[in-house]
PDB file of N, CA and C in Angstrom:
ATOM      1  N   UNK A   1     -37.638 -68.366 -44.281  1.00  0.00           N
ATOM      2  CA  UNK A   1     -38.984 -67.875 -43.767  1.00  0.00           C
ATOM      3  C   UNK A   1     -40.036 -68.106 -45.215  1.00  0.00           C
ATOM      4  N   UNK A   2     -39.461 -67.771 -46.501  1.00  0.00           N
ATOM      5  CA  UNK A   2     -40.405 -68.003 -47.678  1.00  0.00           C
ATOM      6  C   UNK A   2     -40.853 -69.348 -47.572  1.00  0.00           C
ATOM      7  N   UNK A   3     -39.805 -70.317 -47.437  1.00  0.00           N
ATOM      8  CA  UNK A   3     -40.159 -71.629 -47.278  1.00  0.00           C
ATOM      9  C   UNK A   3     -41.157 -72.152 -46.488  1.00  0.00           C
ATOM     10  N   UNK A   4     -41.077 -71.421 -45.210  1.00  0.00           N
ATOM     11  CA  UNK A   4     -42.106 -71.833 -44.047  1.00  0.00           C
ATOM     12  C   UNK A   4     -43.518 -71.488 -44.562  1.00  0.00           C
ATOM     13  N   UNK A   5     -43.669 -70.288 -45.143  1.00  0.00           N
ATOM     14  CA  UNK A   5     -44.855 -69.605 -45.456  1.00  0.00           C
ATOM     15  C   UNK A   5     -45.429 -70.578 -46.708  1.00  0.00           C
ATOM     16  N   UNK A   6     -44.377 -71.113 -47.305  1.00  0.00           N
ATOM     17  CA  UNK A   6     -45.185 -71.939 -48.476  1.00  0.00           C
ATOM     18  C   UNK A   6     -45.678 -73.366 -47.864  1.00  0.00           C
ATOM     19  N   UNK A   7     -44.909 -73.798 -46.937  1.00  0.00           N
ATOM     20  CA  UNK A   7     -45.214 -74.746 -46.348  1.00  0.00           C
ATOM     21  C   UNK A   7     -46.594 -74.885 -45.490  1.00  0.00           C
ATOM     22  N   UNK A   8     -46.809 -73.818 -44.888  1.00  0.00           N
ATOM     23  CA  UNK A   8     -48.192 -73.495 -44.336  1.00  0.00           C
ATOM     24  C   UNK A   8     -49.152 -73.531 -45.296  1.00  0.00           C
ATOM     25  N   UNK A   9     -48.879 -72.850 -46.329  1.00  0.00           N
ATOM     26  CA  UNK A   9     -50.062 -72.673 -47.525  1.00  0.00           C
ATOM     27  C   UNK A   9     -50.450 -73.884 -48.042  1.00  0.00           C
ATOM     28  N   UNK A  10     -49.367 -74.735 -48.084  1.00  0.00           N
ATOM     29  CA  UNK A  10     -49.502 -76.260 -48.839  1.00  0.00           C
ATOM     30  C   UNK A  10     -50.368 -76.953 -47.842  1.00  0.00           C
ATOM     31  N   UNK A  11     -50.607 -76.654 -46.811  1.00  0.00           N
ATOM     32  CA  UNK A  11     -50.894 -77.672 -45.683  1.00  0.00           C
ATOM     33  C   UNK A  11     -52.266 -77.554 -45.574  1.00  0.00           C
ATOM     34  N   UNK A  12     -53.213 -77.875 -46.511  1.00  0.00           N
ATOM     35  CA  UNK A  12     -54.723 -77.862 -46.348  1.00  0.00           C
ATOM     36  C   UNK A  12     -54.974 -79.141 -46.129  1.00  0.00           C
ATOM     37  N   UNK A  13     -55.297 -79.422 -44.750  1.00  0.00           N
ATOM     38  CA  UNK A  13     -55.644 -80.884 -44.057  1.00  0.00           C
ATOM     39  C   UNK A  13     -56.915 -80.743 -43.807  1.00  0.00           C
ATOM     40  N   UNK A  14     -57.635 -82.090 -43.709  1.00  0.00           N
ATOM     41  CA  UNK A  14     -58.864 -82.087 -43.206  1.00  0.00           C
ATOM     42  C   UNK A  14     -58.676 -82.371 -41.770  1.00  0.00           C
ATOM     43  N   UNK A  15     -59.747 -82.265 -40.971  1.00  0.00           N
ATOM     44  CA  UNK A  15     -59.609 -82.325 -39.280  1.00  0.00           C
ATOM     45  C   UNK A  15     -59.036 -83.606 -38.884  1.00  0.00           C
ATOM     46  N   UNK A  16     -59.171 -84.775 -39.669  1.00  0.00           N
ATOM     47  CA  UNK A  16     -58.503 -86.094 -39.069  1.00  0.00           C
ATOM     48  C   UNK A  16     -57.129 -85.984 -39.233  1.00  0.00           C
ATOM     49  N   UNK A  17     -56.649 -85.744 -40.376  1.00  0.00           N
ATOM     50  CA  UNK A  17     -55.152 -85.385 -40.734  1.00  0.00           C
ATOM     51  C   UNK A  17     -54.718 -84.483 -39.629  1.00  0.00           C
ATOM     52  N   UNK A  18     -55.508 -83.295 -39.332  1.00  0.00           N
ATOM     53  CA  UNK A  18     -54.801 -82.366 -38.311  1.00  0.00           C
ATOM     54  C   UNK A  18     -54.626 -83.025 -36.964  1.00  0.00           C
ATOM     55  N   UNK A  19     -55.582 -84.043 -36.827  1.00  0.00           N
ATOM     56  CA  UNK A  19     -55.618 -84.564 -35.340  1.00  0.00           C
ATOM     57  C   UNK A  19     -54.084 -85.789 -35.400  1.00  0.00           C
ATOM     58  N   UNK A  20     -53.908 -86.142 -36.540  1.00  0.00           N
ATOM     59  CA  UNK A  20     -52.792 -87.006 -36.398  1.00  0.00           C
ATOM     60  C   UNK A  20     -51.486 -86.415 -36.421  1.00  0.00           C
ATOM     61  N   UNK A  21     -51.573 -85.307 -37.115  1.00  0.00           N
ATOM     62  CA  UNK A  21     -50.323 -84.519 -37.312  1.00  0.00           C
ATOM     63  C   UNK A  21     -49.963 -83.991 -35.873  1.00  0.00           C
ATOM     64  N   UNK A  22     -51.029 -83.531 -35.238  1.00  0.00           N
ATOM     65  CA  UNK A  22     -50.944 -82.858 -33.976  1.00  0.00           C
ATOM     66  C   UNK A  22     -50.327 -84.027 -32.830  1.00  0.00           C
ATOM     67  N   UNK A  23     -51.031 -85.144 -33.068  1.00  0.00           N
ATOM     68  CA  UNK A  23     -50.761 -86.231 -32.146  1.00  0.00           C
ATOM     69  C   UNK A  23     -49.261 -86.586 -32.439  1.00  0.00           C
ATOM     70  N   UNK A  24     -48.699 -86.497 -33.536  1.00  0.00           N
ATOM     71  CA  UNK A  24     -47.269 -87.217 -33.761  1.00  0.00           C
ATOM     72  C   UNK A  24     -46.307 -85.962 -33.253  1.00  0.00           C
ATOM     73  N   UNK A  25     -46.837 -84.534 -33.373  1.00  0.00           N
ATOM     74  CA  UNK A  25     -45.842 -83.519 -32.826  1.00  0.00           C
ATOM     75  C   UNK A  25     -45.878 -83.698 -31.387  1.00  0.00           C
ATOM     76  N   UNK A  26     -47.068 -84.120 -30.549  1.00  0.00           N
ATOM     77  CA  UNK A  26     -46.946 -84.184 -29.202  1.00  0.00           C
ATOM     78  C   UNK A  26     -46.211 -85.443 -28.741  1.00  0.00           C
ATOM     79  N   UNK A  27     -46.282 -86.259 -29.385  1.00  0.00           N
ATOM     80  CA  UNK A  27     -45.353 -87.587 -29.168  1.00  0.00           C
ATOM     81  C   UNK A  27     -43.922 -87.481 -29.438  1.00  0.00           C
ATOM     82  N   UNK A  28     -43.573 -86.483 -30.450  1.00  0.00           N
ATOM     83  CA  UNK A  28     -42.098 -86.197 -30.936  1.00  0.00           C
ATOM     84  C   UNK A  28     -41.553 -85.418 -29.428  1.00  0.00           C
ATOM     85  N   UNK A  29     -42.417 -84.474 -29.041  1.00  0.00           N
ATOM     86  CA  UNK A  29     -42.117 -83.695 -28.135  1.00  0.00           C
ATOM     87  C   UNK A  29     -41.562 -84.401 -26.740  1.00  0.00           C
ATOM     88  N   UNK A  30     -42.752 -85.336 -26.321  1.00  0.00           N
ATOM     89  CA  UNK A  30     -42.503 -85.998 -25.158  1.00  0.00           C
ATOM     90  C   UNK A  30     -41.227 -87.079 -25.370  1.00  0.00           C
ATOM     91  N   UNK A  31     -41.110 -87.844 -26.577  1.00  0.00           N
ATOM     92  CA  UNK A  31     -39.882 -88.540 -26.722  1.00  0.00           C
ATOM     93  C   UNK A  31     -38.562 -87.569 -26.428  1.00  0.00           C
ATOM     94  N   UNK A  32     -38.597 -86.312 -26.908  1.00  0.00           N
ATOM     95  CA  UNK A  32     -37.568 -85.580 -26.741  1.00  0.00           C
ATOM     96  C   UNK A  32     -37.312 -85.194 -25.350  1.00  0.00           C
ATOM     97  N   UNK A  33     -38.547 -84.767 -24.730  1.00  0.00           N
ATOM     98  CA  UNK A  33     -38.029 -84.633 -23.063  1.00  0.00           C
ATOM     99  C   UNK A  33     -37.464 -85.639 -22.546  1.00  0.00           C
ATOM    100  N   UNK A  34     -38.086 -86.986 -22.815  1.00  0.00           N
ATOM    101  CA  UNK A  34     -37.486 -88.133 -22.221  1.00  0.00           C
ATOM    102  C   UNK A  34     -36.088 -88.416 -22.774  1.00  0.00           C
ATOM    103  N   UNK A  35     -35.680 -88.488 -23.863  1.00  0.00           N
ATOM    104  CA  UNK A  35     -34.444 -88.381 -24.026  1.00  0.00           C
ATOM    105  C   UNK A  35     -33.145 -87.492 -23.622  1.00  0.00           C
ATOM    106  N   UNK A  36     -33.754 -86.361 -23.488  1.00  0.00           N
ATOM    107  CA  UNK A  36     -33.018 -85.242 -22.795  1.00  0.00           C
ATOM    108  C   UNK A  36     -32.838 -85.635 -21.353  1.00  0.00           C
ATOM    109  N   UNK A  37     -33.987 -85.972 -20.633  1.00  0.00           N
ATOM    110  CA  UNK A  37     -33.873 -86.367 -19.115  1.00  0.00           C
ATOM    111  C   UNK A  37     -32.957 -87.521 -18.872  1.00  0.00           C
ATOM    112  N   UNK A  38     -32.841 -88.429 -19.922  1.00  0.00           N
ATOM    113  CA  UNK A  38     -31.967 -89.782 -19.641  1.00  0.00           C
ATOM    114  C   UNK A  38     -30.486 -89.384 -20.041  1.00  0.00           C
ATOM    115  N   UNK A  39     -30.172 -88.374 -21.007  1.00  0.00           N
ATOM    116  CA  UNK A  39     -29.141 -88.086 -21.464  1.00  0.00           C
ATOM    117  C   UNK A  39     -28.293 -87.230 -20.511  1.00  0.00           C
ATOM    118  N   UNK A  40     -29.052 -86.733 -19.707  1.00  0.00           N
ATOM    119  CA  UNK A  40     -28.431 -85.543 -18.477  1.00  0.00           C
ATOM    120  C   UNK A  40     -28.343 -86.103 -17.262  1.00  0.00           C
ATOM    121  N   UNK A  41     -28.973 -87.187 -17.225  1.00  0.00           N
ATOM    122  CA  UNK A  41     -28.965 -87.962 -15.722  1.00  0.00           C
ATOM    123  C   UNK A  41     -28.086 -89.161 -15.778  1.00  0.00           C
ATOM    124  N   UNK A  42     -27.868 -89.910 -16.987  1.00  0.00           N
ATOM    125  CA  UNK A  42     -27.243 -91.184 -17.123  1.00  0.00           C
ATOM    126  C   UNK A  42     -26.063 -91.280 -17.812  1.00  0.00           C
ATOM    127  N   UNK A  43     -25.893 -90.261 -18.971  1.00  0.00           N
ATOM    128  CA  UNK A  43     -24.812 -90.405 -20.067  1.00  0.00           C
ATOM    129  C   UNK A  43     -23.679 -89.386 -19.766  1.00  0.00           C
ATOM    130  N   UNK A  44     -22.664 -89.490 -20.268  1.00  0.00           N
ATOM    131  CA  UNK A  44     -21.567 -88.589 -20.471  1.00  0.00           C
ATOM    132  C   UNK A  44     -20.767 -88.643 -21.649  1.00  0.00           C
ATOM    133  N   UNK A  45     -19.995 -87.619 -21.962  1.00  0.00           N
ATOM    134  CA  UNK A  45     -19.210 -87.434 -23.123  1.00  0.00           C
ATOM    135  C   UNK A  45     -20.038 -87.147 -24.426  1.00  0.00           C
ATOM    136  N   UNK A  46     -19.553 -87.986 -25.386  1.00  0.00           N
ATOM    137  CA  UNK A  46     -20.229 -87.817 -26.742  1.00  0.00           C
ATOM    138  C   UNK A  46     -21.406 -88.537 -26.727  1.00  0.00           C
ATOM    139  N   UNK A  47     -21.777 -89.447 -25.929  1.00  0.00           N
ATOM    140  CA  UNK A  47     -23.064 -90.048 -26.021  1.00  0.00           C
ATOM    141  C   UNK A  47     -24.258 -88.930 -25.643  1.00  0.00           C
ATOM    142  N   UNK A  48     -23.774 -88.222 -24.507  1.00  0.00           N
ATOM    143  CA  UNK A  48     -24.801 -87.324 -24.080  1.00  0.00           C
ATOM    144  C   UNK A  48     -25.004 -86.165 -25.223  1.00  0.00           C
ATOM    145  N   UNK A  49     -24.080 -85.987 -25.987  1.00  0.00           N
ATOM    146  CA  UNK A  49     -24.030 -84.928 -27.111  1.00  0.00           C
ATOM    147  C   UNK A  49     -24.899 -85.426 -28.193  1.00  0.00           C
ATOM    148  N   UNK A  50     -24.656 -86.617 -28.447  1.00  0.00           N
ATOM    149  CA  UNK A  50     -25.555 -87.223 -29.605  1.00  0.00           C
ATOM    150  C   UNK A  50     -27.243 -87.211 -29.248  1.00  0.00           C
ATOM    151  N   UNK A  51     -27.253 -87.809 -27.922  1.00  0.00           N
ATOM    152  CA  UNK A  51     -28.617 -87.868 -27.742  1.00  0.00           C
ATOM    153  C   UNK A  51     -29.104 -86.304 -27.556  1.00  0.00           C
ATOM    154  N   UNK A  52     -28.587 -85.623 -27.108  1.00  0.00           N
ATOM    155  CA  UNK A  52     -28.972 -84.158 -26.977  1.00  0.00           C
ATOM    156  C   UNK A  52     -29.587 -83.557 -28.529  1.00  0.00           C
ATOM    157  N   UNK A  53     -28.613 -83.673 -29.599  1.00  0.00           N
ATOM    158  CA  UNK A  53     -28.818 -83.664 -30.931  1.00  0.00           C
ATOM    159  C   UNK A  53     -30.000 -84.198 -31.342  1.00  0.00           C
ATOM    160  N   UNK A  54     -30.406 -85.395 -31.031  1.00  0.00           N
ATOM    161  CA  UNK A  54     -31.392 -86.257 -31.476  1.00  0.00           C
ATOM    162  C   UNK A  54     -32.404 -85.666 -30.692  1.00  0.00           C
ATOM    163  N   UNK A  55     -32.455 -85.305 -29.779  1.00  0.00           N
ATOM    164  CA  UNK A  55     -33.836 -84.619 -29.062  1.00  0.00           C
ATOM    165  C   UNK A  55     -34.060 -83.280 -29.122  1.00  0.00           C
ATOM    166  N   UNK A  56     -33.105 -82.607 -29.916  1.00  0.00           N
ATOM    167  CA  UNK A  56     -33.540 -81.145 -30.506  1.00  0.00           C
ATOM    168  C   UNK A  56     -34.051 -81.403 -31.840  1.00  0.00           C
ATOM    169  N   UNK A  57     -33.461 -82.355 -32.706  1.00  0.00           N
ATOM    170  CA  UNK A  57     -33.780 -82.638 -33.947  1.00  0.00           C
ATOM    171  C   UNK A  57     -35.696 -82.837 -33.615  1.00  0.00           C
ATOM    172  N   UNK A  58     -36.021 -83.942 -32.986  1.00  0.00           N
ATOM    173  CA  UNK A  58     -37.057 -84.467 -32.551  1.00  0.00           C
ATOM    174  C   UNK A  58     -38.008 -83.352 -31.936  1.00  0.00           C
ATOM    175  N   UNK A  59     -37.681 -82.449 -31.096  1.00  0.00           N
ATOM    176  CA  UNK A  59     -38.206 -81.249 -30.578  1.00  0.00           C
ATOM    177  C   UNK A  59     -38.815 -80.241 -31.802  1.00  0.00           C
ATOM    178  N   UNK A  60     -37.703 -79.959 -32.621  1.00  0.00           N
ATOM    179  CA  UNK A  60     -37.946 -79.050 -33.773  1.00  0.00           C
ATOM    180  C   UNK A  60     -39.254 -79.748 -34.854  1.00  0.00           C
ATOM    181  N   UNK A  61     -39.147 -81.087 -35.154  1.00  0.00           N
ATOM    182  CA  UNK A  61     -39.981 -81.538 -35.853  1.00  0.00           C
ATOM    183  C   UNK A  61     -41.347 -81.450 -35.285  1.00  0.00           C
ATOM    184  N   UNK A  62     -41.499 -81.918 -34.009  1.00  0.00           N
ATOM    185  CA  UNK A  62     -42.780 -81.799 -33.142  1.00  0.00           C
ATOM    186  C   UNK A  62     -42.997 -80.540 -33.211  1.00  0.00           C
ATOM    187  N   UNK A  63     -42.361 -79.562 -33.083  1.00  0.00           N
ATOM    188  CA  UNK A  63     -42.859 -77.879 -32.935  1.00  0.00           C
ATOM    189  C   UNK A  63     -43.639 -77.671 -34.581  1.00  0.00           C
ATOM    190  N   UNK A  64     -42.819 -78.118 -35.578  1.00  0.00           N
ATOM    191  CA  UNK A  64     -43.311 -77.811 -36.783  1.00  0.00           C
ATOM    192  C   UNK A  64     -44.838 -78.826 -37.137  1.00  0.00           C
ATOM    193  N   UNK A  65     -44.841 -79.799 -36.640  1.00  0.00           N
ATOM    194  CA  UNK A  65     -45.995 -80.650 -36.547  1.00  0.00           C
ATOM    195  C   UNK A  65     -47.252 -79.976 -35.893  1.00  0.00           C
ATOM    196  N   UNK A  66     -46.882 -79.267 -34.954  1.00  0.00           N
ATOM    197  CA  UNK A  66     -47.877 -78.604 -34.041  1.00  0.00           C
ATOM    198  C   UNK A  66     -48.203 -77.407 -34.897  1.00  0.00           C
ATOM    199  N   UNK A  67     -47.326 -76.683 -35.270  1.00  0.00           N
ATOM    200  CA  UNK A  67     -47.669 -75.470 -35.927  1.00  0.00           C
ATOM    201  C   UNK A  67     -48.482 -75.932 -37.447  1.00  0.00           C
ATOM    202  N   UNK A  68     -48.318 -76.948 -37.965  1.00  0.00           N
ATOM    203  CA  UNK A  68     -49.038 -77.613 -39.107  1.00  0.00           C
ATOM    204  C   UNK A  68     -50.407 -77.859 -38.575  1.00  0.00           C
ATOM    205  N   UNK A  69     -50.691 -78.393 -37.387  1.00  0.00           N
ATOM    206  CA  UNK A  69     -52.008 -78.797 -37.302  1.00  0.00           C
ATOM    207  C   UNK A  69     -52.777 -77.519 -36.709  1.00  0.00           C
ATOM    208  N   UNK A  70     -52.310 -76.403 -36.696  1.00  0.00           N
ATOM    209  CA  UNK A  70     -53.002 -75.285 -36.291  1.00  0.00           C
ATOM    210  C   UNK A  70     -53.653 -74.483 -37.673  1.00  0.00           C
ATOM    211  N   UNK A  71     -52.815 -74.871 -38.881  1.00  0.00           N
ATOM    212  CA  UNK A  71     -53.265 -73.993 -39.933  1.00  0.00           C
ATOM    213  C   UNK A  71     -54.382 -74.581 -40.523  1.00  0.00           C
TER     214      UNK A  71
END
């Protein structure tokens, strides 16, 4: 939690940078949703697990980017 508060305090971004960070966050979340949809409908076994883990990591990074763009 302490590290996250330091991260937010260090993120003094100008408006244009905030826009790009939020666009990256939105893009990561969209890609995560597409990967999860594909993994659940077309794959089985360990490939499904790997794709799901990749999508979860992308979703977390997208959420962090979204939170950074609000600060």
